[in-house]
Amino acid sequence: MGEAATMSNAHYESDFDSVVSFPSKTASPGDTDQLDKAGQTILQLVQKAAGVADENSRHALGIAQKFSDQLREAEARNAELEAEVTTYRERAERAEQWLHRVNTEIEDRFLHQNDGRRNAPQRAQGGRRRAD
C-alpha cells in the first residue's frame, strides 16, 4: 500500500503541475477561465484521491474481516481441543482409580492370603500333615 500510494501521489502532483499555472499579479480577465480550470482540476484530483482512499479502506476492511473469521475459527477449534483434553484427563483419572482398586484387590486376595498360608501349618497332598 505504501509504494502504490507514493506512486499515486507522484502521479497526482504531475497532473496538478501540468494543468495549473498560477496567474501573475497583473492578471487579465481571461485568466479567470484559467483559475476555474485550476479549481476544477484540483477538485478532480481530490476526488481521485478519495476514490483511492476508499478502495484502500475497503481492501483493508476485507483483510480485517478475513483475519477476524480465521481468528473465530481458531478460537472455536481451540475450545474443541480443550474439551477433548478435559474428557481424556477425566478418563485417565478414572482409569488410574480403577487400576488402584484392582491393585488393592489383588493384594488383599492373593498376597495377604498367601501370607496367612505361610504362617499356617503346611499340609501334604491329600490333606495330610507333613512330618518334619
Protein backbone atom coordinates (compact mmCIF):
# COMPACT_ATOMS: atom_id res chain seq x y z
CA MET A 1 0.00 0.00 0.00
CA GLY A 2 2.85 2.43 0.81
CA GLU A 3 4.60 2.16 -2.57
CA ALA A 4 1.32 2.38 -4.51
CA ALA A 5 0.26 5.41 -2.50
CA THR A 6 3.60 7.13 -3.19
CA MET A 7 3.29 6.41 -6.91
CA SER A 8 -0.29 7.68 -6.91
CA ASN A 9 0.71 10.87 -5.10
CA ALA A 10 3.51 11.49 -7.62
CA HIS A 11 1.03 10.95 -10.43
CA TYR A 12 -1.39 13.48 -8.93
CA GLU A 13 1.37 16.05 -8.40
CA SER A 14 2.49 15.77 -12.03
CA ASP A 15 -1.14 16.18 -13.19
CA PHE A 16 -1.51 19.21 -10.98
CA ASP A 17 1.74 20.83 -12.15
CA SER A 18 0.96 20.35 -15.84
CA VAL A 19 -2.58 21.75 -15.65
CA VAL A 20 -2.33 24.52 -13.06
CA SER A 21 -0.36 27.63 -13.80
CA PHE A 22 -0.90 30.46 -11.37
CA PRO A 23 -1.61 33.90 -12.84
CA SER A 24 0.73 36.78 -12.13
CA LYS A 25 -0.29 39.82 -10.07
CA THR A 26 -1.29 41.62 -13.24
CA ALA A 27 -3.90 39.06 -14.31
CA SER A 28 -6.26 39.81 -17.13
CA PRO A 29 -9.95 38.89 -17.19
CA GLY A 30 -9.17 35.85 -19.42
CA ASP A 31 -7.14 34.45 -16.59
CA THR A 32 -10.40 33.81 -14.72
CA ASP A 33 -11.08 30.86 -17.04
CA GLN A 34 -7.65 29.52 -16.21
CA LEU A 35 -8.41 29.88 -12.47
CA ASP A 36 -11.69 27.99 -12.87
CA LYS A 37 -9.88 25.27 -14.77
CA ALA A 38 -7.29 25.01 -11.99
CA GLY A 39 -10.04 24.77 -9.36
CA GLN A 40 -11.82 22.04 -11.29
CA THR A 41 -8.56 20.14 -11.75
CA ILE A 42 -7.88 20.33 -8.04
CA LEU A 43 -11.37 19.01 -7.28
CA GLN A 44 -10.86 16.14 -9.73
CA LEU A 45 -7.57 15.25 -8.06
CA VAL A 46 -9.25 15.34 -4.64
CA GLN A 47 -11.99 13.04 -5.96
CA LYS A 48 -9.40 10.64 -7.36
CA ALA A 49 -7.54 10.66 -4.04
CA ALA A 50 -10.80 10.00 -2.19
CA GLY A 51 -11.53 7.09 -4.55
CA VAL A 52 -8.12 5.57 -3.92
CA ALA A 53 -8.56 6.06 -0.16
CA ASP A 54 -11.99 4.38 -0.31
CA GLU A 55 -10.58 1.48 -2.29
CA ASN A 56 -7.70 1.07 0.16
CA SER A 57 -10.14 1.24 3.06
CA ARG A 58 -12.40 -1.43 1.53
CA HIS A 59 -9.37 -3.62 0.89
CA ALA A 60 -8.16 -3.19 4.48
CA LEU A 61 -11.64 -3.97 5.83
CA GLY A 62 -11.80 -7.10 3.68
CA ILE A 63 -8.47 -8.30 5.04
CA ALA A 64 -9.53 -7.46 8.61
CA GLN A 65 -12.77 -9.43 8.11
CA LYS A 66 -10.83 -12.39 6.73
CA PHE A 67 -8.46 -12.37 9.72
CA SER A 68 -11.40 -11.99 12.09
CA ASP A 69 -13.08 -15.04 10.57
CA GLN A 70 -9.85 -17.04 10.84
CA LEU A 71 -9.44 -15.98 14.47
CA ARG A 72 -13.01 -17.06 15.27
CA GLU A 73 -12.39 -20.45 13.62
CA ALA A 74 -9.14 -20.88 15.57
CA GLU A 75 -10.87 -19.98 18.84
CA ALA A 76 -13.66 -22.49 18.13
CA ARG A 77 -11.11 -25.22 17.34
CA ASN A 78 -9.19 -24.33 20.50
CA ALA A 79 -12.38 -24.70 22.56
CA GLU A 80 -12.99 -28.13 20.96
CA LEU A 81 -9.46 -29.24 21.76
CA GLU A 82 -9.74 -28.00 25.34
CA ALA A 83 -12.96 -30.01 25.74
CA GLU A 84 -11.20 -33.11 24.38
CA VAL A 85 -8.29 -32.59 26.78
CA THR A 86 -10.72 -32.35 29.70
CA THR A 87 -12.51 -35.53 28.58
CA TYR A 88 -9.26 -37.50 28.23
CA ARG A 89 -7.91 -36.17 31.52
CA GLU A 90 -11.08 -37.34 33.30
CA ARG A 91 -10.86 -40.75 31.61
CA ALA A 92 -7.21 -41.09 32.61
CA GLU A 93 -8.09 -40.25 36.22
CA ARG A 94 -10.89 -42.86 36.21
CA ALA A 95 -8.54 -45.45 34.71
CA GLU A 96 -5.99 -44.66 37.40
CA GLN A 97 -8.65 -45.11 40.10
CA TRP A 98 -9.62 -48.49 38.61
CA LEU A 99 -6.00 -49.59 38.46
CA HIS A 100 -5.55 -48.65 42.10
CA ARG A 101 -8.72 -50.58 43.03
CA VAL A 102 -7.64 -53.66 41.04
CA ASN A 103 -4.17 -53.48 42.63
CA THR A 104 -5.67 -53.26 46.12
CA GLU A 105 -7.99 -56.17 45.41
CA ILE A 106 -5.11 -58.31 44.12
CA GLU A 107 -3.05 -57.52 47.19
CA ASP A 108 -5.95 -58.24 49.55
CA ARG A 109 -6.98 -61.51 47.89
CA PHE A 110 -3.69 -63.05 46.90
CA LEU A 111 -0.78 -61.53 48.73
CA HIS A 112 -2.36 -61.33 52.17
CA GLN A 113 -3.95 -64.73 51.67
CA ASN A 114 -0.53 -66.19 50.85
CA ASP A 115 0.89 -64.55 53.98
CA GLY A 116 -1.78 -66.34 56.05
CA ARG A 117 -0.95 -69.68 54.43
CA ARG A 118 2.74 -69.30 55.15
CA ASN A 119 2.03 -68.87 58.85
CA ALA A 120 -0.38 -71.84 58.99
CA PRO A 121 0.95 -75.40 59.24
CA GLN A 122 1.51 -76.81 55.79
CA ARG A 123 -0.37 -79.93 54.70
CA ALA A 124 0.79 -82.69 52.47
CA GLN A 125 -1.08 -83.59 49.37
CA GLY A 126 -4.29 -85.40 50.13
CA GLY A 127 -4.91 -83.33 53.21
CA ARG A 128 -2.36 -84.98 55.50
CA ARG A 129 0.12 -83.16 57.53
CA ARG A 130 3.74 -83.48 56.67
CA ALA A 131 6.11 -84.87 59.15
CA ASP A 132 9.01 -82.65 59.96
